[in-house]
């Protein structure tokens, strides 16, 4: 059985880690290199670094910050934000990223997913899907781009299937409704996509306690759980979460593996 993963997320704007609620009201959460190093040493399974303003501002991800962050960690490291070309993917991998995360650019040009997978392997290509539940009943979820600012009208579940068919090796799925609320992951959304694609799905948006993380794995069928506020604010630790989930019988890598 493949071990379930815990992945701290560093949302970065203007060189600082930030956190908000429903993609709004951003507040400072610390230095990205310092936090990356802390989580790496604490036994996190991977890290995600997202330059959340890059696509909206029409610029590339901050390569030098990526290089410094990658040098500080010893675990797999995914970078996203403002990646619009195969050259952009190449630059980030050369800067030290293990994977890249595509979002707005994948919607604009799904062939970029295929190009990246063909050149570097599917395992290097993550597609981030920011989804919000449609109003008016059980109508599914819309895909948003540009840092949650633009509704594409795409059905999130069908888009997930397409990105898999294009060659993506993993999906980073964020519930915009749950983001930063600490009210729990959107289990219905996570499960719907996890059951539609045979690649790993990372649940993101809403973790407020260990029960929520367990539910993402057991009810949401996620392969990994993304964590931000809970860790940045010191509510929980990687070690504490892992020990608790291990005691509940989940397939989690024990912290000792990093010692």
C-alpha atoms as a PDB file:
ATOM      1  CA  UNK A   1       0.000   0.000   0.000  1.00  0.00           C
ATOM      2  CA  UNK A   2       1.328   3.444  -0.955  1.00  0.00           C
ATOM      3  CA  UNK A   3       1.742   5.664   2.101  1.00  0.00           C
ATOM      4  CA  UNK A   4      -0.587   8.620   2.484  1.00  0.00           C
ATOM      5  CA  UNK A   5       1.193  11.977   2.447  1.00  0.00           C
ATOM      6  CA  UNK A   6       1.098  15.164   4.521  1.00  0.00           C
ATOM      7  CA  UNK A   7       2.123  18.210   2.488  1.00  0.00           C
ATOM      8  CA  UNK A   8       2.593  21.710   3.950  1.00  0.00           C
ATOM      9  CA  UNK A   9       1.684  24.438   1.464  1.00  0.00           C
ATOM     10  CA  UNK A  10       3.547  27.732   1.166  1.00  0.00           C
ATOM     11  CA  UNK A  11       1.362  30.301  -0.605  1.00  0.00           C
ATOM     12  CA  UNK A  12       3.720  33.152  -1.435  1.00  0.00           C
ATOM     13  CA  UNK A  13       3.004  36.777  -2.358  1.00  0.00           C
ATOM     14  CA  UNK A  14       5.627  39.531  -2.475  1.00  0.00           C
ATOM     15  CA  UNK A  15       8.238  37.132  -1.092  1.00  0.00           C
ATOM     16  CA  UNK A  16       6.279  36.158   2.034  1.00  0.00           C
ATOM     17  CA  UNK A  17       4.095  33.198   2.950  1.00  0.00           C
ATOM     18  CA  UNK A  18       0.469  34.354   3.221  1.00  0.00           C
ATOM     19  CA  UNK A  19      -2.832  32.785   4.233  1.00  0.00           C
ATOM     20  CA  UNK A  20      -6.406  33.918   3.781  1.00  0.00           C
ATOM     21  CA  UNK A  21      -9.979  32.658   3.788  1.00  0.00           C
ATOM     22  CA  UNK A  22     -11.703  31.687   0.523  1.00  0.00           C
ATOM     23  CA  UNK A  23      -8.667  33.159  -1.323  1.00  0.00           C
ATOM     24  CA  UNK A  24      -9.294  36.595   0.262  1.00  0.00           C
ATOM     25  CA  UNK A  25      -8.022  38.637   3.240  1.00  0.00           C
ATOM     26  CA  UNK A  26      -4.411  37.499   3.003  1.00  0.00           C
ATOM     27  CA  UNK A  27      -2.261  37.787   6.128  1.00  0.00           C
ATOM     28  CA  UNK A  28       1.453  37.292   6.641  1.00  0.00           C
ATOM     29  CA  UNK A  29       2.468  33.805   7.815  1.00  0.00           C
ATOM     30  CA  UNK A  30       6.255  33.954   7.664  1.00  0.00           C
ATOM     31  CA  UNK A  31       9.383  33.603   5.571  1.00  0.00           C
ATOM     32  CA  UNK A  32       9.092  30.894   2.867  1.00  0.00           C
ATOM     33  CA  UNK A  33      12.651  29.586   3.151  1.00  0.00           C
ATOM     34  CA  UNK A  34      12.470  29.417   6.947  1.00  0.00           C
ATOM     35  CA  UNK A  35       9.124  27.616   6.908  1.00  0.00           C
ATOM     36  CA  UNK A  36      10.216  25.240   4.154  1.00  0.00           C
ATOM     37  CA  UNK A  37      13.294  24.261   6.132  1.00  0.00           C
ATOM     38  CA  UNK A  38      11.247  23.814   9.316  1.00  0.00           C
ATOM     39  CA  UNK A  39       8.703  21.511   7.675  1.00  0.00           C
ATOM     40  CA  UNK A  40      11.368  19.522   5.876  1.00  0.00           C
ATOM     41  CA  UNK A  41      13.181  18.846   9.158  1.00  0.00           C
ATOM     42  CA  UNK A  42       9.869  18.112  10.911  1.00  0.00           C
ATOM     43  CA  UNK A  43       9.178  15.122   8.671  1.00  0.00           C
ATOM     44  CA  UNK A  44       6.693  16.436   6.119  1.00  0.00           C
ATOM     45  CA  UNK A  45       6.446  14.091   3.140  1.00  0.00           C
ATOM     46  CA  UNK A  46       6.575  16.826   0.507  1.00  0.00           C
ATOM     47  CA  UNK A  47       6.193  20.584   0.139  1.00  0.00           C
ATOM     48  CA  UNK A  48       4.160  22.750  -2.222  1.00  0.00           C
ATOM     49  CA  UNK A  49       5.292  26.276  -3.082  1.00  0.00           C
ATOM     50  CA  UNK A  50       2.667  28.411  -4.876  1.00  0.00           C
ATOM     51  CA  UNK A  51       3.414  31.921  -6.125  1.00  0.00           C
ATOM     52  CA  UNK A  52      -0.253  32.863  -5.902  1.00  0.00           C
ATOM     53  CA  UNK A  53      -0.062  36.241  -7.646  1.00  0.00           C
ATOM     54  CA  UNK A  54       2.141  35.259 -10.595  1.00  0.00           C
ATOM     55  CA  UNK A  55      -0.630  34.307 -13.054  1.00  0.00           C
ATOM     56  CA  UNK A  56      -2.837  37.259 -12.126  1.00  0.00           C
ATOM     57  CA  UNK A  57       0.098  39.656 -12.466  1.00  0.00           C
ATOM     58  CA  UNK A  58       1.226  38.066 -15.727  1.00  0.00           C
ATOM     59  CA  UNK A  59       4.753  37.223 -14.625  1.00  0.00           C
ATOM     60  CA  UNK A  60       6.902  34.168 -14.054  1.00  0.00           C
ATOM     61  CA  UNK A  61       7.394  32.486 -10.693  1.00  0.00           C
ATOM     62  CA  UNK A  62      10.174  33.981  -8.565  1.00  0.00           C
ATOM     63  CA  UNK A  63      13.003  31.692  -9.653  1.00  0.00           C
ATOM     64  CA  UNK A  64      15.578  32.888  -7.116  1.00  0.00           C
ATOM     65  CA  UNK A  65      13.194  32.306  -4.211  1.00  0.00           C
ATOM     66  CA  UNK A  66      12.481  28.849  -5.596  1.00  0.00           C
ATOM     67  CA  UNK A  67      16.209  28.135  -5.800  1.00  0.00           C
ATOM     68  CA  UNK A  68      16.779  29.237  -2.193  1.00  0.00           C
ATOM     69  CA  UNK A  69      13.797  27.261  -0.937  1.00  0.00           C
ATOM     70  CA  UNK A  70      14.777  24.106  -2.799  1.00  0.00           C
ATOM     71  CA  UNK A  71      18.287  24.337  -1.342  1.00  0.00           C
ATOM     72  CA  UNK A  72      16.831  24.378   2.178  1.00  0.00           C
ATOM     73  CA  UNK A  73      14.772  21.182   1.934  1.00  0.00           C
ATOM     74  CA  UNK A  74      15.513  17.483   1.587  1.00  0.00           C
ATOM     75  CA  UNK A  75      12.048  16.299   0.535  1.00  0.00           C
ATOM     76  CA  UNK A  76      10.160  16.477  -2.795  1.00  0.00           C
ATOM     77  CA  UNK A  77       9.180  20.007  -3.663  1.00  0.00           C
ATOM     78  CA  UNK A  78       6.423  21.187  -6.046  1.00  0.00           C
ATOM     79  CA  UNK A  79       6.347  24.729  -7.450  1.00  0.00           C
ATOM     80  CA  UNK A  80       3.456  26.529  -9.134  1.00  0.00           C
ATOM     81  CA  UNK A  81       2.402  29.965 -10.268  1.00  0.00           C
ATOM     82  CA  UNK A  82       2.823  31.779 -13.574  1.00  0.00           C
ATOM     83  CA  UNK A  83       4.149  28.778 -15.521  1.00  0.00           C
ATOM     84  CA  UNK A  84       3.077  29.432 -19.106  1.00  0.00           C
ATOM     85  CA  UNK A  85       5.473  27.464 -21.295  1.00  0.00           C
ATOM     86  CA  UNK A  86       7.699  24.422 -21.561  1.00  0.00           C
ATOM     87  CA  UNK A  87      10.673  26.722 -20.962  1.00  0.00           C
ATOM     88  CA  UNK A  88       9.021  27.876 -17.733  1.00  0.00           C
ATOM     89  CA  UNK A  89       8.719  24.273 -16.574  1.00  0.00           C
ATOM     90  CA  UNK A  90      12.354  23.656 -17.491  1.00  0.00           C
ATOM     91  CA  UNK A  91      13.553  26.719 -15.577  1.00  0.00           C
ATOM     92  CA  UNK A  92      11.800  25.667 -12.374  1.00  0.00           C
ATOM     93  CA  UNK A  93      13.041  22.094 -12.502  1.00  0.00           C
ATOM     94  CA  UNK A  94      16.556  23.390 -13.072  1.00  0.00           C
ATOM     95  CA  UNK A  95      16.116  25.727 -10.089  1.00  0.00           C
ATOM     96  CA  UNK A  96      15.541  22.705  -7.870  1.00  0.00           C
ATOM     97  CA  UNK A  97      11.851  21.851  -8.037  1.00  0.00           C
ATOM     98  CA  UNK A  98      10.961  18.157  -8.236  1.00  0.00           C
ATOM     99  CA  UNK A  99       7.539  18.855  -9.782  1.00  0.00           C
ATOM    100  CA  UNK A 100       5.673  21.803 -11.257  1.00  0.00           C
ATOM    101  CA  UNK A 101       2.041  22.726 -10.721  1.00  0.00           C
ATOM    102  CA  UNK A 102       0.049  24.086 -13.675  1.00  0.00           C
ATOM    103  CA  UNK A 103      -3.298  25.816 -13.292  1.00  0.00           C
ATOM    104  CA  UNK A 104      -4.308  28.813 -15.415  1.00  0.00           C
ATOM    105  CA  UNK A 105      -1.899  27.863 -18.196  1.00  0.00           C
ATOM    106  CA  UNK A 106      -3.289  24.321 -18.328  1.00  0.00           C
ATOM    107  CA  UNK A 107      -6.799  25.676 -18.895  1.00  0.00           C
ATOM    108  CA  UNK A 108      -5.554  28.061 -21.571  1.00  0.00           C
ATOM    109  CA  UNK A 109      -3.446  25.405 -23.300  1.00  0.00           C
ATOM    110  CA  UNK A 110      -3.957  21.803 -22.195  1.00  0.00           C
ATOM    111  CA  UNK A 111      -1.236  20.664 -24.605  1.00  0.00           C
ATOM    112  CA  UNK A 112       1.286  22.150 -22.155  1.00  0.00           C
ATOM    113  CA  UNK A 113       0.406  19.292 -19.785  1.00  0.00           C
ATOM    114  CA  UNK A 114       1.218  16.771 -22.507  1.00  0.00           C
ATOM    115  CA  UNK A 115       4.391  18.557 -23.567  1.00  0.00           C
ATOM    116  CA  UNK A 116       5.655  18.652 -19.993  1.00  0.00           C
ATOM    117  CA  UNK A 117       4.773  15.016 -19.342  1.00  0.00           C
ATOM    118  CA  UNK A 118       6.421  13.882 -22.567  1.00  0.00           C
ATOM    119  CA  UNK A 119       9.653  15.731 -21.821  1.00  0.00           C
ATOM    120  CA  UNK A 120       9.998  15.261 -18.068  1.00  0.00           C
ATOM    121  CA  UNK A 121       7.606  12.421 -17.189  1.00  0.00           C
ATOM    122  CA  UNK A 122       4.077  12.542 -15.801  1.00  0.00           C
ATOM    123  CA  UNK A 123       5.436  12.361 -12.255  1.00  0.00           C
ATOM    124  CA  UNK A 124       6.789  15.916 -12.688  1.00  0.00           C
ATOM    125  CA  UNK A 125       3.490  17.433 -13.835  1.00  0.00           C
ATOM    126  CA  UNK A 126       0.861  18.361 -11.248  1.00  0.00           C
ATOM    127  CA  UNK A 127      -2.311  20.139 -12.309  1.00  0.00           C
ATOM    128  CA  UNK A 128      -3.878  22.377  -9.677  1.00  0.00           C
ATOM    129  CA  UNK A 129      -7.659  22.678  -9.784  1.00  0.00           C
ATOM    130  CA  UNK A 130      -9.300  25.467  -7.789  1.00  0.00           C
ATOM    131  CA  UNK A 131     -12.988  24.580  -7.579  1.00  0.00           C
ATOM    132  CA  UNK A 132     -16.077  26.270  -6.160  1.00  0.00           C
ATOM    133  CA  UNK A 133     -19.524  24.697  -5.807  1.00  0.00           C
ATOM    134  CA  UNK A 134     -22.068  25.999  -8.277  1.00  0.00           C
ATOM    135  CA  UNK A 135     -25.112  27.716  -6.808  1.00  0.00           C
ATOM    136  CA  UNK A 136     -28.646  26.446  -7.267  1.00  0.00           C
ATOM    137  CA  UNK A 137     -28.520  22.884  -6.057  1.00  0.00           C
ATOM    138  CA  UNK A 138     -26.469  19.823  -6.918  1.00  0.00           C
ATOM    139  CA  UNK A 139     -24.812  21.179 -10.059  1.00  0.00           C
ATOM    140  CA  UNK A 140     -21.210  20.268  -9.408  1.00  0.00           C
ATOM    141  CA  UNK A 141     -18.219  22.575  -9.172  1.00  0.00           C
ATOM    142  CA  UNK A 142     -16.709  25.256 -11.426  1.00  0.00           C
ATOM    143  CA  UNK A 143     -12.993  25.554 -12.146  1.00  0.00           C
ATOM    144  CA  UNK A 144     -11.434  28.938 -11.328  1.00  0.00           C
ATOM    145  CA  UNK A 145      -8.132  30.367 -12.563  1.00  0.00           C
ATOM    146  CA  UNK A 146      -6.011  33.508 -12.040  1.00  0.00           C
ATOM    147  CA  UNK A 147      -5.704  32.902  -8.306  1.00  0.00           C
ATOM    148  CA  UNK A 148      -9.426  32.238  -7.937  1.00  0.00           C
ATOM    149  CA  UNK A 149     -10.432  35.452  -9.703  1.00  0.00           C
ATOM    150  CA  UNK A 150     -11.874  34.020 -12.924  1.00  0.00           C
ATOM    151  CA  UNK A 151     -14.578  31.396 -13.348  1.00  0.00           C
ATOM    152  CA  UNK A 152     -13.881  29.276 -16.415  1.00  0.00           C
ATOM    153  CA  UNK A 153     -17.273  27.536 -16.357  1.00  0.00           C
ATOM    154  CA  UNK A 154     -15.486  24.195 -16.682  1.00  0.00           C
ATOM    155  CA  UNK A 155     -16.900  21.276 -14.716  1.00  0.00           C
ATOM    156  CA  UNK A 156     -14.212  20.388 -12.182  1.00  0.00           C
ATOM    157  CA  UNK A 157     -14.759  16.626 -12.332  1.00  0.00           C
ATOM    158  CA  UNK A 158     -14.665  16.501 -16.128  1.00  0.00           C
ATOM    159  CA  UNK A 159     -11.641  18.818 -16.208  1.00  0.00           C
ATOM    160  CA  UNK A 160      -9.842  16.490 -13.812  1.00  0.00           C
ATOM    161  CA  UNK A 161     -10.454  13.604 -16.185  1.00  0.00           C
ATOM    162  CA  UNK A 162      -9.128  15.623 -19.109  1.00  0.00           C
ATOM    163  CA  UNK A 163      -5.909  16.653 -17.364  1.00  0.00           C
ATOM    164  CA  UNK A 164      -5.281  13.001 -16.513  1.00  0.00           C
ATOM    165  CA  UNK A 165      -5.795  12.062 -20.161  1.00  0.00           C
ATOM    166  CA  UNK A 166      -3.385  14.837 -21.174  1.00  0.00           C
ATOM    167  CA  UNK A 167      -0.656  13.269 -19.051  1.00  0.00           C
ATOM    168  CA  UNK A 168      -0.815  14.878 -15.598  1.00  0.00           C
ATOM    169  CA  UNK A 169       0.640  12.646 -12.893  1.00  0.00           C
ATOM    170  CA  UNK A 170      -1.186  14.228  -9.958  1.00  0.00           C
ATOM    171  CA  UNK A 171      -4.002  16.656  -9.157  1.00  0.00           C
ATOM    172  CA  UNK A 172      -3.829  19.329  -6.456  1.00  0.00           C
ATOM    173  CA  UNK A 173      -7.486  19.940  -5.686  1.00  0.00           C
ATOM    174  CA  UNK A 174      -8.437  23.024  -3.679  1.00  0.00           C
ATOM    175  CA  UNK A 175     -11.951  23.719  -2.478  1.00  0.00           C
ATOM    176  CA  UNK A 176     -12.330  27.489  -2.671  1.00  0.00           C
ATOM    177  CA  UNK A 177     -15.372  27.217  -0.418  1.00  0.00           C
ATOM    178  CA  UNK A 178     -13.307  25.521   2.274  1.00  0.00           C
ATOM    179  CA  UNK A 179     -10.029  27.428   1.873  1.00  0.00           C
ATOM    180  CA  UNK A 180      -8.827  28.811   5.204  1.00  0.00           C
ATOM    181  CA  UNK A 181     -12.139  28.155   6.981  1.00  0.00           C
ATOM    182  CA  UNK A 182     -10.843  25.303   9.190  1.00  0.00           C
ATOM    183  CA  UNK A 183     -14.277  23.704   8.641  1.00  0.00           C
ATOM    184  CA  UNK A 184     -13.015  20.607   6.848  1.00  0.00           C
ATOM    185  CA  UNK A 185     -12.179  19.531   3.322  1.00  0.00           C
ATOM    186  CA  UNK A 186     -14.922  19.288   0.703  1.00  0.00           C
ATOM    187  CA  UNK A 187     -15.185  15.510   0.899  1.00  0.00           C
ATOM    188  CA  UNK A 188     -17.838  15.264  -1.804  1.00  0.00           C
ATOM    189  CA  UNK A 189     -15.669  17.159  -4.293  1.00  0.00           C
ATOM    190  CA  UNK A 190     -12.504  15.270  -3.361  1.00  0.00           C
ATOM    191  CA  UNK A 191     -14.165  11.876  -3.612  1.00  0.00           C
ATOM    192  CA  UNK A 192     -15.878  12.722  -6.922  1.00  0.00           C
ATOM    193  CA  UNK A 193     -12.543  13.529  -8.541  1.00  0.00           C
ATOM    194  CA  UNK A 194     -10.541  10.764  -6.833  1.00  0.00           C
ATOM    195  CA  UNK A 195     -13.052   8.246  -8.198  1.00  0.00           C
ATOM    196  CA  UNK A 196     -12.872   9.758 -11.694  1.00  0.00           C
ATOM    197  CA  UNK A 197      -9.090   9.559 -12.172  1.00  0.00           C
ATOM    198  CA  UNK A 198      -6.497   6.843 -11.441  1.00  0.00           C
ATOM    199  CA  UNK A 199      -3.794   9.326 -10.392  1.00  0.00           C
ATOM    200  CA  UNK A 200      -3.163  10.731  -6.881  1.00  0.00           C
ATOM    201  CA  UNK A 201      -5.425  13.545  -5.693  1.00  0.00           C
ATOM    202  CA  UNK A 202      -4.149  15.992  -3.062  1.00  0.00           C
ATOM    203  CA  UNK A 203      -6.986  17.368  -0.932  1.00  0.00           C
ATOM    204  CA  UNK A 204      -6.682  21.063  -0.124  1.00  0.00           C
ATOM    205  CA  UNK A 205      -8.805  23.717   1.535  1.00  0.00           C
ATOM    206  CA  UNK A 206     -10.360  23.650   4.982  1.00  0.00           C
ATOM    207  CA  UNK A 207      -8.404  21.410   7.349  1.00  0.00           C
ATOM    208  CA  UNK A 208      -9.149  22.462  10.926  1.00  0.00           C
ATOM    209  CA  UNK A 209      -8.302  19.369  12.965  1.00  0.00           C
ATOM    210  CA  UNK A 210      -6.892  15.865  12.675  1.00  0.00           C
ATOM    211  CA  UNK A 211     -10.373  14.419  12.139  1.00  0.00           C
ATOM    212  CA  UNK A 212     -10.640  16.461   8.947  1.00  0.00           C
ATOM    213  CA  UNK A 213      -7.344  15.037   7.691  1.00  0.00           C
ATOM    214  CA  UNK A 214      -8.446  11.485   8.450  1.00  0.00           C
ATOM    215  CA  UNK A 215     -11.732  12.113   6.619  1.00  0.00           C
ATOM    216  CA  UNK A 216      -9.900  13.389   3.533  1.00  0.00           C
ATOM    217  CA  UNK A 217      -8.106  10.039   3.335  1.00  0.00           C
ATOM    218  CA  UNK A 218     -10.942   7.704   4.316  1.00  0.00           C
ATOM    219  CA  UNK A 219     -14.068   9.438   2.985  1.00  0.00           C
ATOM    220  CA  UNK A 220     -12.541  11.716   0.366  1.00  0.00           C
ATOM    221  CA  UNK A 221     -10.247   8.994  -1.042  1.00  0.00           C
ATOM    222  CA  UNK A 222      -7.368  11.486  -1.247  1.00  0.00           C
ATOM    223  CA  UNK A 223      -3.777  10.287  -1.578  1.00  0.00           C
ATOM    224  CA  UNK A 224      -2.393  13.326   0.240  1.00  0.00           C
ATOM    225  CA  UNK A 225      -3.583  16.188   2.417  1.00  0.00           C
ATOM    226  CA  UNK A 226      -2.363  19.750   1.944  1.00  0.00           C
ATOM    227  CA  UNK A 227      -1.960  21.755   5.158  1.00  0.00           C
ATOM    228  CA  UNK A 228      -1.386  25.457   5.712  1.00  0.00           C
ATOM    229  CA  UNK A 229      -3.056  27.406   8.540  1.00  0.00           C
ATOM    230  CA  UNK A 230      -2.970  24.502  10.992  1.00  0.00           C
ATOM    231  CA  UNK A 231       0.813  24.304  10.704  1.00  0.00           C
ATOM    232  CA  UNK A 232       1.677  27.959  10.092  1.00  0.00           C
ATOM    233  CA  UNK A 233      -0.274  29.017  13.197  1.00  0.00           C
ATOM    234  CA  UNK A 234       1.180  26.235  15.359  1.00  0.00           C
ATOM    235  CA  UNK A 235      -2.195  24.610  16.040  1.00  0.00           C
ATOM    236  CA  UNK A 236      -0.786  21.201  15.095  1.00  0.00           C
ATOM    237  CA  UNK A 237       2.619  19.798  14.181  1.00  0.00           C
ATOM    238  CA  UNK A 238       3.625  17.340  11.484  1.00  0.00           C
ATOM    239  CA  UNK A 239       4.848  14.938  14.149  1.00  0.00           C
ATOM    240  CA  UNK A 240       1.624  15.168  16.131  1.00  0.00           C
ATOM    241  CA  UNK A 241      -0.555  14.607  13.075  1.00  0.00           C
ATOM    242  CA  UNK A 242       1.492  11.619  11.915  1.00  0.00           C
ATOM    243  CA  UNK A 243       1.473   9.936  15.296  1.00  0.00           C
ATOM    244  CA  UNK A 244      -2.272  10.415  15.674  1.00  0.00           C
ATOM    245  CA  UNK A 245      -3.064   9.078  12.200  1.00  0.00           C
ATOM    246  CA  UNK A 246      -0.740   6.105  12.707  1.00  0.00           C
ATOM    247  CA  UNK A 247      -2.603   5.299  15.921  1.00  0.00           C
ATOM    248  CA  UNK A 248      -5.834   5.364  13.916  1.00  0.00           C
ATOM    249  CA  UNK A 249      -4.443   2.714  11.587  1.00  0.00           C
ATOM    250  CA  UNK A 250      -3.770   4.859   8.523  1.00  0.00           C
ATOM    251  CA  UNK A 251      -0.842   4.135   6.218  1.00  0.00           C
ATOM    252  CA  UNK A 252       1.349   7.109   7.159  1.00  0.00           C
ATOM    253  CA  UNK A 253       5.146   7.254   6.928  1.00  0.00           C
ATOM    254  CA  UNK A 254       6.408   7.330  10.535  1.00  0.00           C
ATOM    255  CA  UNK A 255       8.466  10.329  11.534  1.00  0.00           C
ATOM    256  CA  UNK A 256      11.455   8.085  12.372  1.00  0.00           C
ATOM    257  CA  UNK A 257      12.140   7.585   8.677  1.00  0.00           C
ATOM    258  CA  UNK A 258      13.616  11.113   8.591  1.00  0.00           C
ATOM    259  CA  UNK A 259      15.882  10.726  11.598  1.00  0.00           C
END
